[in-house]
């Protein structure tokens, strides 16, 4: 039985564990946005957003590009494929077996 989570996947799962970060990912699903637009949509301060963007960048889920004084963010889709592959292994390779009886 495997119990260790792959080192590659752990930061991804941690990044998905907070609602603001999920909302950022949803906002970036269809288009690139600057940090000011993301903060405005979420109704949070730039400093609070900066913390969440840092975690998403470190996990490799988003990428930023600077244009003048603005930074525009977009999803890093290859990193989503890593997570998708990890999760799909549960569906494909994990049999659902009945629980074993515990000894009395």
N, C-alpha and C. Protein backbone atom coordinates (compact mmCIF):
# COMPACT_ATOMS: atom_id res chain seq x y z
N UNK A 1 0.85 -1.18 0.00
CA UNK A 1 0.00 0.00 0.00
C UNK A 1 0.89 1.25 0.00
N UNK A 2 0.62 2.19 -0.89
CA UNK A 2 1.36 3.44 -0.94
C UNK A 2 0.75 4.42 0.05
N UNK A 3 1.61 5.12 0.79
CA UNK A 3 1.10 6.13 1.72
C UNK A 3 1.75 7.49 1.50
N UNK A 4 2.87 7.54 0.81
CA UNK A 4 3.57 8.80 0.59
C UNK A 4 3.00 9.51 -0.62
N UNK A 5 2.81 10.81 -0.51
CA UNK A 5 2.37 11.62 -1.63
C UNK A 5 3.61 12.05 -2.38
N UNK A 6 3.58 11.95 -3.68
CA UNK A 6 4.71 12.35 -4.51
C UNK A 6 5.12 13.78 -4.20
N UNK A 7 6.43 13.99 -4.11
CA UNK A 7 6.95 15.34 -3.83
C UNK A 7 6.50 16.33 -4.89
N UNK A 8 6.35 15.88 -6.14
CA UNK A 8 5.91 16.76 -7.22
C UNK A 8 4.48 17.23 -7.04
N UNK A 9 3.66 16.42 -6.41
CA UNK A 9 2.23 16.70 -6.31
C UNK A 9 1.88 17.45 -5.03
N UNK A 10 2.66 17.29 -3.99
CA UNK A 10 2.33 17.89 -2.70
C UNK A 10 2.11 19.41 -2.77
N UNK A 11 3.00 20.19 -3.40
CA UNK A 11 2.75 21.64 -3.49
C UNK A 11 1.47 21.97 -4.26
N UNK A 12 1.14 21.14 -5.25
CA UNK A 12 -0.09 21.37 -6.01
C UNK A 12 -1.31 21.19 -5.12
N UNK A 13 -1.32 20.12 -4.36
CA UNK A 13 -2.45 19.86 -3.47
C UNK A 13 -2.56 20.93 -2.39
N UNK A 14 -1.43 21.36 -1.87
CA UNK A 14 -1.45 22.43 -0.86
C UNK A 14 -1.97 23.73 -1.46
N UNK A 15 -1.60 24.01 -2.70
CA UNK A 15 -2.06 25.24 -3.35
C UNK A 15 -3.57 25.24 -3.54
N UNK A 16 -4.14 24.07 -3.78
CA UNK A 16 -5.59 23.95 -3.96
C UNK A 16 -6.37 23.96 -2.65
N UNK A 17 -5.68 24.01 -1.53
CA UNK A 17 -6.34 23.84 -0.23
C UNK A 17 -6.93 25.14 0.33
N UNK A 18 -6.90 26.22 -0.39
CA UNK A 18 -7.39 27.50 0.13
C UNK A 18 -8.36 28.12 -0.87
N UNK A 19 -9.46 28.65 -0.38
CA UNK A 19 -10.53 29.12 -1.28
C UNK A 19 -10.11 30.29 -2.16
N UNK A 20 -9.31 31.24 -1.66
CA UNK A 20 -8.89 32.34 -2.52
C UNK A 20 -8.05 31.84 -3.69
N UNK A 21 -7.20 30.86 -3.43
CA UNK A 21 -6.37 30.33 -4.51
C UNK A 21 -7.22 29.60 -5.54
N UNK A 22 -8.23 28.89 -5.08
CA UNK A 22 -9.15 28.25 -6.03
C UNK A 22 -9.87 29.29 -6.88
N UNK A 23 -10.26 30.39 -6.24
CA UNK A 23 -10.95 31.45 -6.98
C UNK A 23 -10.03 32.09 -8.01
N UNK A 24 -8.75 32.26 -7.66
CA UNK A 24 -7.79 32.81 -8.63
C UNK A 24 -7.68 31.88 -9.82
N UNK A 25 -7.57 30.58 -9.56
CA UNK A 25 -7.48 29.60 -10.64
C UNK A 25 -8.73 29.67 -11.52
N UNK A 26 -9.89 29.78 -10.92
CA UNK A 26 -11.13 29.89 -11.70
C UNK A 26 -11.14 31.16 -12.55
N UNK A 27 -10.68 32.27 -11.98
CA UNK A 27 -10.64 33.52 -12.75
C UNK A 27 -9.71 33.42 -13.95
N UNK A 28 -8.63 32.68 -13.79
CA UNK A 28 -7.64 32.57 -14.87
C UNK A 28 -7.97 31.46 -15.85
N UNK A 29 -9.04 30.77 -15.61
CA UNK A 29 -9.42 29.63 -16.46
C UNK A 29 -9.59 30.04 -17.93
N UNK A 30 -10.17 31.19 -18.19
CA UNK A 30 -10.49 31.60 -19.56
C UNK A 30 -9.58 32.67 -20.13
N UNK A 31 -8.84 33.36 -19.24
CA UNK A 31 -8.06 34.49 -19.76
C UNK A 31 -6.96 34.89 -18.77
N UNK A 32 -6.03 35.62 -19.30
CA UNK A 32 -4.95 36.20 -18.52
C UNK A 32 -5.49 37.46 -17.83
N UNK A 33 -5.08 37.69 -16.60
CA UNK A 33 -5.54 38.88 -15.87
C UNK A 33 -4.36 39.51 -15.12
N UNK A 34 -4.43 40.84 -14.95
CA UNK A 34 -3.42 41.50 -14.13
C UNK A 34 -3.82 41.36 -12.66
N UNK A 35 -2.82 41.51 -11.80
CA UNK A 35 -3.04 41.33 -10.38
C UNK A 35 -4.11 42.28 -9.85
N UNK A 36 -4.15 43.49 -10.38
CA UNK A 36 -5.15 44.45 -9.88
C UNK A 36 -6.57 43.99 -10.21
N UNK A 37 -6.77 43.38 -11.38
CA UNK A 37 -8.09 42.86 -11.74
C UNK A 37 -8.48 41.67 -10.87
N UNK A 38 -7.51 40.81 -10.58
CA UNK A 38 -7.78 39.65 -9.72
C UNK A 38 -8.18 40.12 -8.33
N UNK A 39 -7.43 41.07 -7.77
CA UNK A 39 -7.74 41.60 -6.44
C UNK A 39 -9.11 42.23 -6.42
N UNK A 40 -9.45 42.96 -7.47
CA UNK A 40 -10.76 43.60 -7.56
C UNK A 40 -11.89 42.57 -7.61
N UNK A 41 -11.72 41.53 -8.42
CA UNK A 41 -12.75 40.47 -8.50
C UNK A 41 -12.95 39.77 -7.16
N UNK A 42 -11.85 39.56 -6.44
CA UNK A 42 -11.92 38.84 -5.17
C UNK A 42 -12.27 39.74 -3.99
N UNK A 43 -12.13 41.05 -4.17
CA UNK A 43 -12.40 41.98 -3.08
C UNK A 43 -11.39 41.88 -1.96
N UNK A 44 -10.12 41.65 -2.30
CA UNK A 44 -9.07 41.55 -1.29
C UNK A 44 -7.96 42.55 -1.59
N UNK A 45 -7.13 42.81 -0.60
CA UNK A 45 -6.03 43.76 -0.77
C UNK A 45 -4.93 43.16 -1.64
N UNK A 46 -4.12 44.03 -2.19
CA UNK A 46 -3.01 43.59 -3.03
C UNK A 46 -2.03 42.74 -2.24
N UNK A 47 -1.80 43.07 -0.98
CA UNK A 47 -0.85 42.30 -0.18
C UNK A 47 -1.37 40.89 0.11
N UNK A 48 -2.66 40.77 0.39
CA UNK A 48 -3.24 39.44 0.62
C UNK A 48 -3.19 38.61 -0.67
N UNK A 49 -3.51 39.24 -1.79
CA UNK A 49 -3.45 38.54 -3.08
C UNK A 49 -2.03 38.11 -3.39
N UNK A 50 -1.07 38.98 -3.10
CA UNK A 50 0.33 38.68 -3.37
C UNK A 50 0.76 37.39 -2.69
N UNK A 51 0.34 37.18 -1.47
CA UNK A 51 0.65 35.95 -0.73
C UNK A 51 0.12 34.72 -1.47
N UNK A 52 -1.12 34.78 -1.92
CA UNK A 52 -1.74 33.65 -2.60
C UNK A 52 -1.12 33.42 -3.98
N UNK A 53 -0.81 34.49 -4.69
CA UNK A 53 -0.17 34.36 -6.00
C UNK A 53 1.21 33.71 -5.86
N UNK A 54 1.92 34.06 -4.80
CA UNK A 54 3.24 33.48 -4.55
C UNK A 54 3.14 31.96 -4.39
N UNK A 55 2.17 31.50 -3.64
CA UNK A 55 2.00 30.06 -3.44
C UNK A 55 1.63 29.37 -4.75
N UNK A 56 0.76 29.98 -5.52
CA UNK A 56 0.37 29.41 -6.81
C UNK A 56 1.55 29.38 -7.78
N UNK A 57 2.37 30.43 -7.77
CA UNK A 57 3.56 30.46 -8.64
C UNK A 57 4.57 29.39 -8.21
N UNK A 58 4.81 29.29 -6.89
CA UNK A 58 5.77 28.30 -6.40
C UNK A 58 5.33 26.87 -6.70
N UNK A 59 4.02 26.63 -6.73
CA UNK A 59 3.49 25.32 -7.09
C UNK A 59 3.53 25.10 -8.60
N UNK A 60 3.81 26.16 -9.34
CA UNK A 60 3.87 26.06 -10.79
C UNK A 60 2.52 26.10 -11.47
N UNK A 61 1.47 26.45 -10.73
CA UNK A 61 0.12 26.46 -11.30
C UNK A 61 -0.16 27.70 -12.14
N UNK A 62 0.53 28.79 -11.84
CA UNK A 62 0.35 30.02 -12.63
C UNK A 62 1.71 30.56 -13.04
N UNK A 63 1.69 31.37 -14.08
CA UNK A 63 2.88 32.07 -14.55
C UNK A 63 2.53 33.54 -14.69
N UNK A 64 3.51 34.39 -14.49
CA UNK A 64 3.30 35.82 -14.65
C UNK A 64 4.22 36.39 -15.70
N UNK A 65 3.76 37.42 -16.33
CA UNK A 65 4.61 38.16 -17.27
C UNK A 65 4.43 39.64 -16.97
N UNK A 66 5.52 40.36 -16.99
CA UNK A 66 5.47 41.77 -16.68
C UNK A 66 5.34 42.58 -17.95
N UNK A 67 4.42 43.53 -17.90
CA UNK A 67 4.22 44.47 -19.01
C UNK A 67 4.16 45.85 -18.38
N UNK A 68 5.24 46.60 -18.54
CA UNK A 68 5.33 47.88 -17.85
C UNK A 68 5.39 47.64 -16.36
N UNK A 69 4.53 48.31 -15.62
CA UNK A 69 4.52 48.10 -14.16
C UNK A 69 3.51 47.05 -13.71
N UNK A 70 2.80 46.46 -14.65
CA UNK A 70 1.77 45.47 -14.32
C UNK A 70 2.28 44.05 -14.56
N UNK A 71 1.80 43.12 -13.74
CA UNK A 71 2.09 41.71 -13.94
C UNK A 71 0.79 41.01 -14.30
N UNK A 72 0.83 40.31 -15.41
CA UNK A 72 -0.33 39.56 -15.90
C UNK A 72 -0.12 38.08 -15.63
N UNK A 73 -1.15 37.44 -15.10
CA UNK A 73 -1.06 36.03 -14.71
C UNK A 73 -1.93 35.17 -15.62
N UNK A 74 -1.45 33.94 -15.82
CA UNK A 74 -2.19 32.94 -16.60
C UNK A 74 -1.90 31.57 -16.00
N UNK A 75 -2.75 30.61 -16.32
CA UNK A 75 -2.56 29.25 -15.85
C UNK A 75 -1.37 28.62 -16.56
N UNK A 76 -0.64 27.78 -15.85
CA UNK A 76 0.43 26.98 -16.43
C UNK A 76 -0.13 25.57 -16.63
N UNK A 77 -0.75 25.35 -17.77
CA UNK A 77 -1.51 24.13 -18.02
C UNK A 77 -0.70 22.83 -17.91
N UNK A 78 0.58 22.79 -18.28
CA UNK A 78 1.32 21.53 -18.09
C UNK A 78 1.35 21.07 -16.62
N UNK A 79 1.34 21.99 -15.70
CA UNK A 79 1.34 21.61 -14.28
C UNK A 79 0.00 20.99 -13.87
N UNK A 80 -1.06 21.43 -14.50
CA UNK A 80 -2.37 20.83 -14.24
C UNK A 80 -2.40 19.39 -14.76
N UNK A 81 -1.66 19.13 -15.84
CA UNK A 81 -1.58 17.77 -16.37
C UNK A 81 -0.88 16.84 -15.39
N UNK A 82 0.11 17.35 -14.66
CA UNK A 82 0.79 16.55 -13.64
C UNK A 82 -0.20 16.12 -12.57
N UNK A 83 -1.01 17.07 -12.11
CA UNK A 83 -2.01 16.76 -11.09
C UNK A 83 -3.08 15.82 -11.63
N UNK A 84 -3.50 16.06 -12.86
CA UNK A 84 -4.51 15.20 -13.48
C UNK A 84 -4.01 13.76 -13.59
N UNK A 85 -2.76 13.60 -13.98
CA UNK A 85 -2.19 12.26 -14.09
C UNK A 85 -2.14 11.57 -12.73
N UNK A 86 -1.71 12.30 -11.70
CA UNK A 86 -1.65 11.73 -10.35
C UNK A 86 -3.03 11.25 -9.89
N UNK A 87 -4.04 12.08 -10.08
CA UNK A 87 -5.39 11.73 -9.65
C UNK A 87 -5.99 10.60 -10.49
N UNK A 88 -5.68 10.57 -11.77
CA UNK A 88 -6.25 9.53 -12.63
C UNK A 88 -5.72 8.15 -12.26
N UNK A 89 -4.54 8.08 -11.67
CA UNK A 89 -4.00 6.79 -11.24
C UNK A 89 -4.87 6.14 -10.17
N UNK A 90 -5.53 6.94 -9.35
CA UNK A 90 -6.43 6.38 -8.34
C UNK A 90 -7.62 5.69 -9.00
N UNK A 91 -8.13 6.32 -10.02
CA UNK A 91 -9.29 5.77 -10.72
C UNK A 91 -8.92 4.51 -11.50
N UNK A 92 -7.79 4.54 -12.14
CA UNK A 92 -7.38 3.42 -12.99
C UNK A 92 -6.79 2.24 -12.22
N UNK A 93 -6.01 2.52 -11.20
CA UNK A 93 -5.20 1.46 -10.62
C UNK A 93 -5.55 1.09 -9.18
N UNK A 94 -6.53 1.72 -8.61
CA UNK A 94 -6.88 1.43 -7.22
C UNK A 94 -8.19 0.67 -7.16
N UNK A 95 -8.11 -0.62 -6.89
CA UNK A 95 -9.36 -1.38 -6.77
C UNK A 95 -10.08 -0.98 -5.49
N UNK A 96 -11.36 -0.98 -5.55
CA UNK A 96 -12.15 -0.70 -4.36
C UNK A 96 -12.51 -2.06 -3.75
N UNK A 97 -11.81 -2.38 -2.68
CA UNK A 97 -12.02 -3.67 -2.04
C UNK A 97 -12.79 -3.48 -0.74
N UNK A 98 -13.55 -4.46 -0.32
CA UNK A 98 -14.23 -4.34 0.96
C UNK A 98 -13.22 -4.30 2.09
N UNK A 99 -13.58 -3.65 3.16
CA UNK A 99 -12.71 -3.54 4.31
C UNK A 99 -12.45 -4.91 4.91
N UNK A 100 -11.23 -5.10 5.36
CA UNK A 100 -10.85 -6.34 6.00
C UNK A 100 -11.36 -6.30 7.42
N UNK A 101 -11.83 -7.41 7.93
CA UNK A 101 -12.32 -7.46 9.32
C UNK A 101 -11.16 -7.30 10.28
N UNK A 102 -11.33 -6.46 11.27
CA UNK A 102 -10.32 -6.28 12.28
C UNK A 102 -10.41 -7.40 13.32
N UNK A 103 -9.29 -7.88 13.81
CA UNK A 103 -9.35 -8.93 14.83
C UNK A 103 -9.95 -8.38 16.13
N UNK A 104 -10.72 -9.19 16.78
CA UNK A 104 -11.33 -8.76 18.04
C UNK A 104 -10.37 -8.83 19.18
